[in-house]
């Protein structure tokens, strides 16, 4: 007999004992001190006989713990799923991340376009405003710094006039 069988047997016996105690207390509770004590004593004896019959004749009762059958693998699986989801949600929404924006090349490109006469002063101001809006639209957990400051391994967020209105939640790796 392994440990699990011993525990199940002990559990079944414990629940039987609790049922027996309840029946006994119900029988004794109904005893009236001033009433016909002989009749009441017979009721108590009858209830105690029922207790004996329950022990011998009744099949094992379904206990709440028997209804719930969860194995160790189920618990481990649920724990792994919860841990994975917790880490994923934390990483996506709360963990601080640093992304890089190449401000120097953007300004240089705008300067060249302005010198060549392709865009006017108002267009330069509008594009700078769009660039600023793009940077401000980044999620709160992203810290945006310029490419000039980063020496290596910076995730770069590229800005072009096509993606000025949308803000990537997962910047591209370079």
N, C-alpha and C. Protein backbone atom coordinates (compact mmCIF):
# COMPACT_ATOMS: atom_id res chain seq x y z
N UNK A 1 0.86 -1.18 0.00
CA UNK A 1 0.00 0.00 0.00
C UNK A 1 0.90 1.24 0.00
N UNK A 2 0.73 2.10 -0.99
CA UNK A 2 1.58 3.29 -1.06
C UNK A 2 1.00 4.41 -0.20
N UNK A 3 1.72 5.51 -0.13
CA UNK A 3 1.32 6.62 0.73
C UNK A 3 -0.01 7.22 0.33
N UNK A 4 -0.26 7.31 -0.98
CA UNK A 4 -1.51 7.91 -1.46
C UNK A 4 -2.70 7.06 -1.02
N UNK A 5 -2.57 5.74 -1.10
CA UNK A 5 -3.66 4.86 -0.66
C UNK A 5 -3.88 5.00 0.84
N UNK A 6 -2.80 5.12 1.60
CA UNK A 6 -2.93 5.31 3.05
C UNK A 6 -3.66 6.61 3.37
N UNK A 7 -3.33 7.65 2.64
CA UNK A 7 -3.98 8.95 2.86
C UNK A 7 -5.46 8.86 2.52
N UNK A 8 -5.79 8.21 1.40
CA UNK A 8 -7.20 8.07 1.01
C UNK A 8 -7.98 7.26 2.05
N UNK A 9 -7.37 6.21 2.56
CA UNK A 9 -8.03 5.37 3.57
C UNK A 9 -8.25 6.18 4.86
N UNK A 10 -7.23 6.92 5.27
CA UNK A 10 -7.35 7.75 6.47
C UNK A 10 -8.44 8.80 6.27
N UNK A 11 -8.48 9.40 5.07
CA UNK A 11 -9.49 10.42 4.79
C UNK A 11 -10.90 9.83 4.88
N UNK A 12 -11.10 8.66 4.28
CA UNK A 12 -12.41 8.03 4.32
C UNK A 12 -12.82 7.71 5.75
N UNK A 13 -11.89 7.19 6.55
CA UNK A 13 -12.18 6.88 7.94
C UNK A 13 -12.51 8.14 8.72
N UNK A 14 -11.80 9.22 8.44
CA UNK A 14 -12.05 10.48 9.15
C UNK A 14 -13.43 11.01 8.85
N UNK A 15 -13.85 10.95 7.59
CA UNK A 15 -15.17 11.43 7.23
C UNK A 15 -16.25 10.54 7.84
N UNK A 16 -16.02 9.23 7.92
CA UNK A 16 -16.98 8.34 8.58
C UNK A 16 -17.11 8.71 10.05
N UNK A 17 -15.98 8.95 10.69
CA UNK A 17 -16.00 9.31 12.11
C UNK A 17 -16.75 10.62 12.31
N UNK A 18 -16.55 11.59 11.43
CA UNK A 18 -17.27 12.86 11.55
C UNK A 18 -18.77 12.67 11.38
N UNK A 19 -19.17 11.84 10.43
CA UNK A 19 -20.59 11.54 10.25
C UNK A 19 -21.16 10.86 11.49
N UNK A 20 -20.40 9.93 12.08
CA UNK A 20 -20.84 9.24 13.28
C UNK A 20 -21.03 10.22 14.43
N UNK A 21 -20.09 11.12 14.58
CA UNK A 21 -20.18 12.12 15.66
C UNK A 21 -21.39 13.01 15.45
N UNK A 22 -21.66 13.41 14.20
CA UNK A 22 -22.85 14.23 13.91
C UNK A 22 -24.12 13.50 14.29
N UNK A 23 -24.23 12.24 13.88
CA UNK A 23 -25.43 11.46 14.22
C UNK A 23 -25.60 11.34 15.74
N UNK A 24 -24.51 11.06 16.43
CA UNK A 24 -24.57 10.93 17.88
C UNK A 24 -25.00 12.24 18.53
N UNK A 25 -24.40 13.35 18.08
CA UNK A 25 -24.75 14.65 18.65
C UNK A 25 -26.20 15.02 18.35
N UNK A 26 -26.68 14.67 17.16
CA UNK A 26 -28.09 14.92 16.84
C UNK A 26 -29.00 14.13 17.76
N UNK A 27 -28.64 12.88 18.03
CA UNK A 27 -29.45 12.03 18.90
C UNK A 27 -29.43 12.55 20.33
N UNK A 28 -28.27 12.92 20.81
CA UNK A 28 -28.14 13.41 22.19
C UNK A 28 -28.78 14.78 22.34
N UNK A 29 -28.71 15.58 21.30
CA UNK A 29 -29.26 16.93 21.35
C UNK A 29 -30.77 16.91 21.56
N UNK A 30 -31.41 15.88 21.04
CA UNK A 30 -32.87 15.78 21.13
C UNK A 30 -33.34 15.27 22.49
N UNK A 31 -32.42 14.89 23.34
CA UNK A 31 -32.81 14.37 24.67
C UNK A 31 -33.34 15.53 25.51
N UNK A 32 -34.53 15.35 26.02
CA UNK A 32 -35.16 16.37 26.85
C UNK A 32 -35.02 15.93 28.30
N UNK A 33 -34.45 16.79 29.10
CA UNK A 33 -34.19 16.41 30.50
C UNK A 33 -35.48 16.10 31.24
N UNK A 34 -36.53 16.85 30.99
CA UNK A 34 -37.78 16.65 31.73
C UNK A 34 -38.74 15.71 31.01
N UNK A 35 -38.47 15.36 29.77
CA UNK A 35 -39.39 14.51 29.01
C UNK A 35 -39.22 13.05 29.36
N UNK A 36 -39.79 12.19 28.53
CA UNK A 36 -39.71 10.75 28.71
C UNK A 36 -38.31 10.30 28.34
N UNK A 37 -37.50 10.12 29.34
CA UNK A 37 -36.09 9.82 29.12
C UNK A 37 -35.89 8.41 28.58
N UNK A 38 -36.78 7.54 28.89
CA UNK A 38 -36.65 6.17 28.42
C UNK A 38 -36.79 6.11 26.89
N UNK A 39 -37.78 6.85 26.35
CA UNK A 39 -37.97 6.91 24.89
C UNK A 39 -36.77 7.57 24.21
N UNK A 40 -36.32 8.61 24.83
CA UNK A 40 -35.20 9.32 24.24
C UNK A 40 -33.93 8.48 24.26
N UNK A 41 -33.76 7.70 25.32
CA UNK A 41 -32.61 6.82 25.41
C UNK A 41 -32.67 5.76 24.30
N UNK A 42 -33.89 5.28 24.01
CA UNK A 42 -34.06 4.31 22.93
C UNK A 42 -33.67 4.95 21.59
N UNK A 43 -34.02 6.23 21.39
CA UNK A 43 -33.67 6.93 20.15
C UNK A 43 -32.16 7.04 20.00
N UNK A 44 -31.49 7.36 21.11
CA UNK A 44 -30.04 7.46 21.07
C UNK A 44 -29.43 6.11 20.74
N UNK A 45 -29.95 5.04 21.35
CA UNK A 45 -29.43 3.70 21.09
C UNK A 45 -29.69 3.32 19.64
N UNK A 46 -30.86 3.64 19.11
CA UNK A 46 -31.16 3.35 17.70
C UNK A 46 -30.19 4.09 16.77
N UNK A 47 -29.93 5.32 17.10
CA UNK A 47 -28.98 6.10 16.27
C UNK A 47 -27.57 5.51 16.35
N UNK A 48 -27.19 5.06 17.51
CA UNK A 48 -25.88 4.44 17.64
C UNK A 48 -25.81 3.14 16.86
N UNK A 49 -26.92 2.41 16.80
CA UNK A 49 -26.96 1.18 16.00
C UNK A 49 -26.83 1.52 14.51
N UNK A 50 -27.47 2.61 14.12
CA UNK A 50 -27.34 3.07 12.73
C UNK A 50 -25.88 3.38 12.41
N UNK A 51 -25.20 3.95 13.38
CA UNK A 51 -23.79 4.26 13.18
C UNK A 51 -23.01 2.98 12.93
N UNK A 52 -23.26 1.95 13.72
CA UNK A 52 -22.58 0.67 13.53
C UNK A 52 -22.89 0.10 12.16
N UNK A 53 -24.17 0.17 11.74
CA UNK A 53 -24.56 -0.34 10.42
C UNK A 53 -23.85 0.42 9.31
N UNK A 54 -23.73 1.73 9.47
CA UNK A 54 -23.06 2.55 8.46
C UNK A 54 -21.61 2.12 8.29
N UNK A 55 -21.00 1.76 9.37
CA UNK A 55 -19.59 1.36 9.28
C UNK A 55 -19.43 0.04 8.54
N UNK A 56 -20.34 -0.84 8.71
CA UNK A 56 -20.20 -2.17 8.12
C UNK A 56 -20.79 -2.23 6.72
N UNK A 57 -22.02 -1.74 6.53
CA UNK A 57 -22.76 -1.96 5.30
C UNK A 57 -22.54 -0.91 4.21
N UNK A 58 -22.31 0.31 4.61
CA UNK A 58 -22.32 1.37 3.59
C UNK A 58 -21.04 1.36 2.76
N UNK A 59 -21.18 1.59 1.45
CA UNK A 59 -19.97 1.73 0.63
C UNK A 59 -19.30 3.06 0.95
N UNK A 60 -18.07 3.20 0.52
CA UNK A 60 -17.34 4.44 0.79
C UNK A 60 -18.06 5.63 0.19
N UNK A 61 -18.22 6.65 1.00
CA UNK A 61 -18.89 7.86 0.52
C UNK A 61 -17.93 8.68 -0.33
N UNK A 62 -18.50 9.40 -1.28
CA UNK A 62 -17.69 10.27 -2.14
C UNK A 62 -17.37 11.53 -1.34
N UNK A 63 -16.13 11.76 -1.06
CA UNK A 63 -15.73 12.92 -0.28
C UNK A 63 -15.37 14.06 -1.22
N UNK A 64 -15.40 15.30 -0.73
CA UNK A 64 -15.04 16.43 -1.60
C UNK A 64 -13.64 16.30 -2.18
N UNK A 65 -12.71 15.74 -1.42
CA UNK A 65 -11.35 15.60 -1.94
C UNK A 65 -11.26 14.54 -3.02
N UNK A 66 -12.14 13.54 -2.98
CA UNK A 66 -12.12 12.52 -4.01
C UNK A 66 -12.69 13.05 -5.33
N UNK A 67 -13.64 13.97 -5.24
CA UNK A 67 -14.22 14.56 -6.44
C UNK A 67 -13.18 15.38 -7.20
N UNK A 68 -12.34 16.03 -6.46
CA UNK A 68 -11.31 16.88 -7.06
C UNK A 68 -10.04 16.04 -7.23
N UNK A 69 -9.79 15.64 -8.44
CA UNK A 69 -8.59 14.84 -8.66
C UNK A 69 -7.62 15.62 -9.55
N UNK A 70 -6.64 16.20 -8.92
CA UNK A 70 -5.63 16.98 -9.61
C UNK A 70 -4.29 16.30 -9.38
N UNK A 71 -3.61 16.00 -10.45
CA UNK A 71 -2.32 15.34 -10.30
C UNK A 71 -1.21 16.38 -10.19
N UNK A 72 -0.04 15.90 -9.85
CA UNK A 72 1.11 16.79 -9.74
C UNK A 72 1.45 17.41 -11.10
N UNK A 73 1.27 16.64 -12.16
CA UNK A 73 1.55 17.18 -13.50
C UNK A 73 0.60 18.32 -13.85
N UNK A 74 -0.67 18.21 -13.41
CA UNK A 74 -1.62 19.30 -13.64
C UNK A 74 -1.16 20.56 -12.92
N UNK A 75 -0.75 20.41 -11.68
CA UNK A 75 -0.30 21.56 -10.90
C UNK A 75 0.94 22.19 -11.53
N UNK A 76 1.89 21.36 -11.93
CA UNK A 76 3.11 21.87 -12.56
C UNK A 76 2.78 22.56 -13.87
N UNK A 77 1.89 21.97 -14.66
CA UNK A 77 1.49 22.59 -15.93
C UNK A 77 0.84 23.94 -15.73
N UNK A 78 -0.07 24.03 -14.77
CA UNK A 78 -0.75 25.29 -14.49
C UNK A 78 0.26 26.32 -13.99
N UNK A 79 1.17 25.91 -13.13
CA UNK A 79 2.19 26.83 -12.61
C UNK A 79 3.08 27.35 -13.73
N UNK A 80 3.47 26.49 -14.67
CA UNK A 80 4.30 26.93 -15.79
C UNK A 80 3.56 27.91 -16.70
N UNK A 81 2.30 27.63 -16.95
CA UNK A 81 1.50 28.54 -17.79
C UNK A 81 1.36 29.90 -17.14
N UNK A 82 1.05 29.92 -15.85
CA UNK A 82 0.90 31.19 -15.13
C UNK A 82 2.22 31.95 -15.10
N UNK A 83 3.32 31.25 -14.87
CA UNK A 83 4.64 31.91 -14.85
C UNK A 83 4.97 32.49 -16.21
N UNK A 84 4.74 31.73 -17.28
CA UNK A 84 5.02 32.22 -18.63
C UNK A 84 4.18 33.45 -18.96
N UNK A 85 2.88 33.39 -18.65
CA UNK A 85 2.02 34.54 -18.92
C UNK A 85 2.43 35.76 -18.10
N UNK A 86 2.81 35.55 -16.86
CA UNK A 86 3.24 36.67 -16.00
C UNK A 86 4.48 37.34 -16.58
N UNK A 87 5.46 36.56 -16.97
CA UNK A 87 6.70 37.12 -17.53
C UNK A 87 6.41 37.84 -18.85
N UNK A 88 5.56 37.24 -19.69
CA UNK A 88 5.23 37.84 -20.98
C UNK A 88 4.52 39.17 -20.80
N UNK A 89 3.52 39.21 -19.93
CA UNK A 89 2.79 40.46 -19.70
C UNK A 89 3.71 41.51 -19.09
N UNK A 90 4.54 41.12 -18.13
CA UNK A 90 5.46 42.07 -17.53
C UNK A 90 6.42 42.64 -18.58
N UNK A 91 6.98 41.76 -19.42
CA UNK A 91 7.93 42.21 -20.43
C UNK A 91 7.27 43.14 -21.43
N UNK A 92 6.06 42.81 -21.84
CA UNK A 92 5.41 43.61 -22.88
C UNK A 92 4.93 44.97 -22.37
N UNK A 93 4.37 45.00 -21.16
CA UNK A 93 3.72 46.23 -20.68
C UNK A 93 4.52 47.02 -19.65
N UNK A 94 5.36 46.38 -18.85
CA UNK A 94 5.95 47.08 -17.71
C UNK A 94 7.47 47.21 -17.75
N UNK A 95 8.18 46.28 -18.35
CA UNK A 95 9.64 46.32 -18.34
C UNK A 95 10.14 47.50 -19.18
N UNK A 96 11.07 48.24 -18.62
CA UNK A 96 11.63 49.38 -19.34
C UNK A 96 12.57 48.89 -20.44
N UNK A 97 12.43 49.50 -21.60
CA UNK A 97 13.27 49.14 -22.74
C UNK A 97 13.82 50.42 -23.34
N UNK A 98 15.02 50.32 -23.89
CA UNK A 98 15.65 51.47 -24.52
C UNK A 98 15.64 51.24 -26.02
N UNK A 99 15.13 52.24 -26.76
CA UNK A 99 15.16 52.18 -28.22
C UNK A 99 15.91 53.40 -28.73
N UNK A 100 16.44 53.26 -29.94
CA UNK A 100 17.31 54.28 -30.51
C UNK A 100 16.63 54.91 -31.72
N UNK A 101 16.75 56.22 -31.83
CA UNK A 101 16.25 56.96 -32.99
C UNK A 101 17.43 57.71 -33.59
N UNK A 102 17.55 57.63 -34.92
CA UNK A 102 18.66 58.29 -35.61
C UNK A 102 18.24 59.72 -35.97
N UNK A 103 18.36 60.60 -35.00
CA UNK A 103 17.96 62.00 -35.18
C UNK A 103 18.92 62.73 -36.12
N UNK A 104 20.19 62.43 -36.03
CA UNK A 104 21.20 63.12 -36.85
C UNK A 104 20.93 62.92 -38.34
N UNK A 105 20.72 61.68 -38.75
CA UNK A 105 20.49 61.44 -40.18
C UNK A 105 19.15 62.02 -40.63
N UNK A 106 18.15 62.04 -39.74
CA UNK A 106 16.87 62.65 -40.09
C UNK A 106 17.03 64.15 -40.34
N UNK A 107 17.72 64.81 -39.44
CA UNK A 107 17.93 66.26 -39.60
C UNK A 107 18.78 66.53 -40.83
N UNK A 108 19.81 65.70 -41.05
CA UNK A 108 20.67 65.87 -42.22
C UNK A 108 19.86 65.71 -43.51
N UNK A 109 18.98 64.72 -43.55
CA UNK A 109 18.14 64.49 -44.74
C UNK A 109 17.21 65.68 -44.98
N UNK A 110 16.62 66.21 -43.92
CA UNK A 110 15.72 67.36 -44.08
C UNK A 110 16.50 68.59 -44.56
N UNK A 111 17.72 68.75 -44.06
CA UNK A 111 18.56 69.88 -44.46
C UNK A 111 18.91 69.79 -45.95
N UNK A 112 19.27 68.58 -46.41
CA UNK A 112 19.60 68.39 -47.83
C UNK A 112 18.39 68.66 -48.72
N UNK A 113 17.21 68.15 -48.31
CA UNK A 113 16.00 68.40 -49.09
C UNK A 113 15.67 69.89 -49.14
N UNK A 114 15.90 70.59 -48.04
CA UNK A 114 15.63 72.04 -48.00
C UNK A 114 16.62 72.79 -48.89
N UNK A 115 17.90 72.41 -48.85
CA UNK A 115 18.92 73.08 -49.66
C UNK A 115 18.66 72.84 -51.15
N UNK A 116 18.20 71.63 -51.50
CA UNK A 116 17.91 71.31 -52.89
C UNK A 116 16.63 71.98 -53.37
N UNK A 117 15.86 72.51 -52.45
CA UNK A 117 14.63 73.21 -52.82
C UNK A 117 13.43 72.29 -52.97
N UNK A 118 13.53 71.06 -52.60
CA UNK A 118 12.40 70.13 -52.70
C UNK A 118 11.32 70.41 -51.66
N UNK A 119 11.72 70.90 -50.50
CA UNK A 119 10.75 71.24 -49.45
C UNK A 119 11.01 72.65 -48.96
N UNK A 120 9.98 73.25 -48.43
CA UNK A 120 10.10 74.61 -47.91
C UNK A 120 10.29 74.62 -46.41
N UNK A 121 10.38 75.83 -45.88
CA UNK A 121 10.58 76.00 -44.44
C UNK A 121 9.41 75.42 -43.64
N UNK A 122 8.21 75.62 -44.15
CA UNK A 122 7.01 75.10 -43.47
C UNK A 122 7.02 73.57 -43.45
N UNK A 123 7.49 72.97 -44.58
CA UNK A 123 7.56 71.51 -44.64
C UNK A 123 8.56 70.95 -43.63
N UNK A 124 9.69 71.63 -43.49
CA UNK A 124 10.69 71.20 -42.51
C UNK A 124 10.10 71.24 -41.10
N UNK A 125 9.42 72.34 -40.78
CA UNK A 125 8.81 72.48 -39.46
C UNK A 125 7.75 71.40 -39.24
N UNK A 126 6.95 71.11 -40.29
CA UNK A 126 5.91 70.08 -40.19
C UNK A 126 6.52 68.70 -39.97
N UNK A 127 7.60 68.39 -40.71
CA UNK A 127 8.24 67.09 -40.57
C UNK A 127 8.89 66.93 -39.19
N UNK A 128 9.47 67.99 -38.69
CA UNK A 128 10.03 67.93 -37.32
C UNK A 128 8.91 67.72 -36.29
N UNK A 129 7.77 68.35 -36.51
CA UNK A 129 6.63 68.17 -35.60
C UNK A 129 6.13 66.72 -35.67
N UNK A 130 6.09 66.15 -36.89
CA UNK A 130 5.68 64.75 -37.05
C UNK A 130 6.68 63.81 -36.37
N UNK A 131 7.96 64.14 -36.49
CA UNK A 131 9.00 63.33 -35.84
C UNK A 131 8.81 63.38 -34.32
N UNK A 132 8.57 64.56 -33.81
CA UNK A 132 8.37 64.73 -32.38
C UNK A 132 7.11 63.97 -31.93
N UNK A 133 6.05 64.02 -32.72
CA UNK A 133 4.81 63.29 -32.40
C UNK A 133 5.07 61.78 -32.40
N UNK A 134 5.87 61.32 -33.37
CA UNK A 134 6.21 59.90 -33.46
C UNK A 134 6.96 59.44 -32.20
N UNK A 135 7.91 60.25 -31.76
CA UNK A 135 8.69 59.89 -30.56
C UNK A 135 7.79 59.89 -29.33
N UNK A 136 6.88 60.85 -29.23
CA UNK A 136 6.00 60.93 -28.06
C UNK A 136 4.94 59.82 -28.05
N UNK A 137 4.64 59.25 -29.22
CA UNK A 137 3.64 58.19 -29.29
C UNK A 137 4.20 56.83 -28.86
N UNK A 138 5.47 56.73 -28.62
CA UNK A 138 6.05 55.46 -28.18
C UNK A 138 5.45 55.09 -26.83
N UNK A 139 5.29 53.80 -26.56
CA UNK A 139 4.72 53.36 -25.27
C UNK A 139 5.54 53.89 -24.09
N UNK A 140 4.87 54.01 -22.96
CA UNK A 140 5.50 54.59 -21.77
C UNK A 140 6.69 53.78 -21.27
N UNK A 141 6.72 52.48 -21.56
CA UNK A 141 7.83 51.66 -21.06
C UNK A 141 9.05 51.70 -21.98
N UNK A 142 8.98 52.46 -23.09
CA UNK A 142 10.13 52.61 -23.98
C UNK A 142 10.83 53.94 -23.69
N UNK A 143 12.12 53.89 -23.53
CA UNK A 143 12.94 55.09 -23.36
C UNK A 143 13.62 55.33 -24.70
N UNK A 144 13.36 56.50 -25.29
CA UNK A 144 13.89 56.82 -26.61
C UNK A 144 15.10 57.72 -26.44
N UNK A 145 16.24 57.28 -27.03
CA UNK A 145 17.46 58.09 -27.01
C UNK A 145 18.01 58.17 -28.43
N UNK A 146 18.91 59.12 -28.66
CA UNK A 146 19.45 59.28 -30.01
C UNK A 146 20.55 58.25 -30.27
N UNK A 147 20.74 57.98 -31.54
CA UNK A 147 21.72 56.97 -31.96
C UNK A 147 23.15 57.41 -31.62
N UNK A 148 23.38 58.69 -31.53
CA UNK A 148 24.71 59.21 -31.23
C UNK A 148 25.20 58.77 -29.84
N UNK A 149 24.29 58.54 -28.94
CA UNK A 149 24.63 58.20 -27.56
C UNK A 149 24.95 56.71 -27.40
N UNK A 150 24.35 55.88 -28.23
CA UNK A 150 24.48 54.43 -28.09
C UNK A 150 25.73 53.94 -28.81
N UNK A 151 26.52 53.13 -28.11
CA UNK A 151 27.72 52.59 -28.73
C UNK A 151 27.43 51.30 -29.49
N UNK A 152 26.61 50.39 -28.89
CA UNK A 152 26.32 49.11 -29.54
C UNK A 152 25.01 48.54 -29.00
N UNK A 153 24.46 47.60 -29.76
CA UNK A 153 23.29 46.81 -29.36
C UNK A 153 22.04 47.61 -29.05
N UNK A 154 21.84 48.70 -29.72
CA UNK A 154 20.62 49.47 -29.54
C UNK A 154 19.56 49.05 -30.53
N UNK A 155 18.34 48.86 -30.07
CA UNK A 155 17.23 48.55 -30.98
C UNK A 155 16.77 49.86 -31.60
N UNK A 156 16.87 49.93 -32.91
CA UNK A 156 16.58 51.19 -33.59
C UNK A 156 15.13 51.24 -34.07
N UNK A 157 14.49 52.36 -33.80
CA UNK A 157 13.14 52.62 -34.30
C UNK A 157 13.32 53.59 -35.46
N UNK A 158 12.94 53.15 -36.65
CA UNK A 158 13.15 54.02 -37.81
C UNK A 158 11.91 54.88 -38.04
N UNK A 159 12.15 56.11 -38.42
CA UNK A 159 11.09 57.06 -38.71
C UNK A 159 11.15 57.43 -40.17
N UNK A 160 10.01 57.31 -40.83
CA UNK A 160 9.89 57.84 -42.19
C UNK A 160 8.53 58.51 -42.27
N UNK A 161 8.31 59.25 -43.28
CA UNK A 161 7.07 59.99 -43.39
C UNK A 161 5.87 59.03 -43.49
N UNK A 162 6.08 57.80 -43.91
CA UNK A 162 4.99 56.83 -44.03
C UNK A 162 4.52 56.30 -42.69
N UNK A 163 5.42 56.16 -41.73
CA UNK A 163 5.02 55.61 -40.43
C UNK A 163 4.96 56.67 -39.34
N UNK A 164 4.81 57.92 -39.73
CA UNK A 164 4.76 59.01 -38.75
C UNK A 164 3.52 58.92 -37.88
N UNK A 165 2.42 58.40 -38.41
CA UNK A 165 1.17 58.36 -37.65
C UNK A 165 1.07 57.13 -36.76
N UNK A 166 1.75 56.05 -37.09
CA UNK A 166 1.65 54.84 -36.29
C UNK A 166 2.90 54.64 -35.45
N UNK A 167 2.69 54.10 -34.28
CA UNK A 167 3.80 53.89 -33.35
C UNK A 167 3.96 52.39 -33.15
N UNK A 168 5.11 51.83 -33.47
CA UNK A 168 5.29 50.38 -33.32
C UNK A 168 5.38 50.00 -31.84
N UNK A 169 4.67 48.93 -31.49
CA UNK A 169 4.76 48.48 -30.11
C UNK A 169 5.97 47.57 -29.92
N UNK A 170 6.43 46.94 -30.99
CA UNK A 170 7.62 46.11 -30.91
C UNK A 170 8.58 46.57 -32.00
N UNK A 171 9.52 47.42 -31.66
CA UNK A 171 10.42 47.97 -32.67
C UNK A 171 11.26 46.89 -33.34
N UNK A 172 11.64 47.17 -34.58
CA UNK A 172 12.45 46.22 -35.34
C UNK A 172 13.84 46.13 -34.73
N UNK A 173 14.45 44.94 -34.84
CA UNK A 173 15.85 44.80 -34.40
C UNK A 173 16.75 45.07 -35.57
N UNK A 174 17.86 45.68 -35.31
CA UNK A 174 18.85 45.92 -36.37
C UNK A 174 20.11 45.23 -36.05
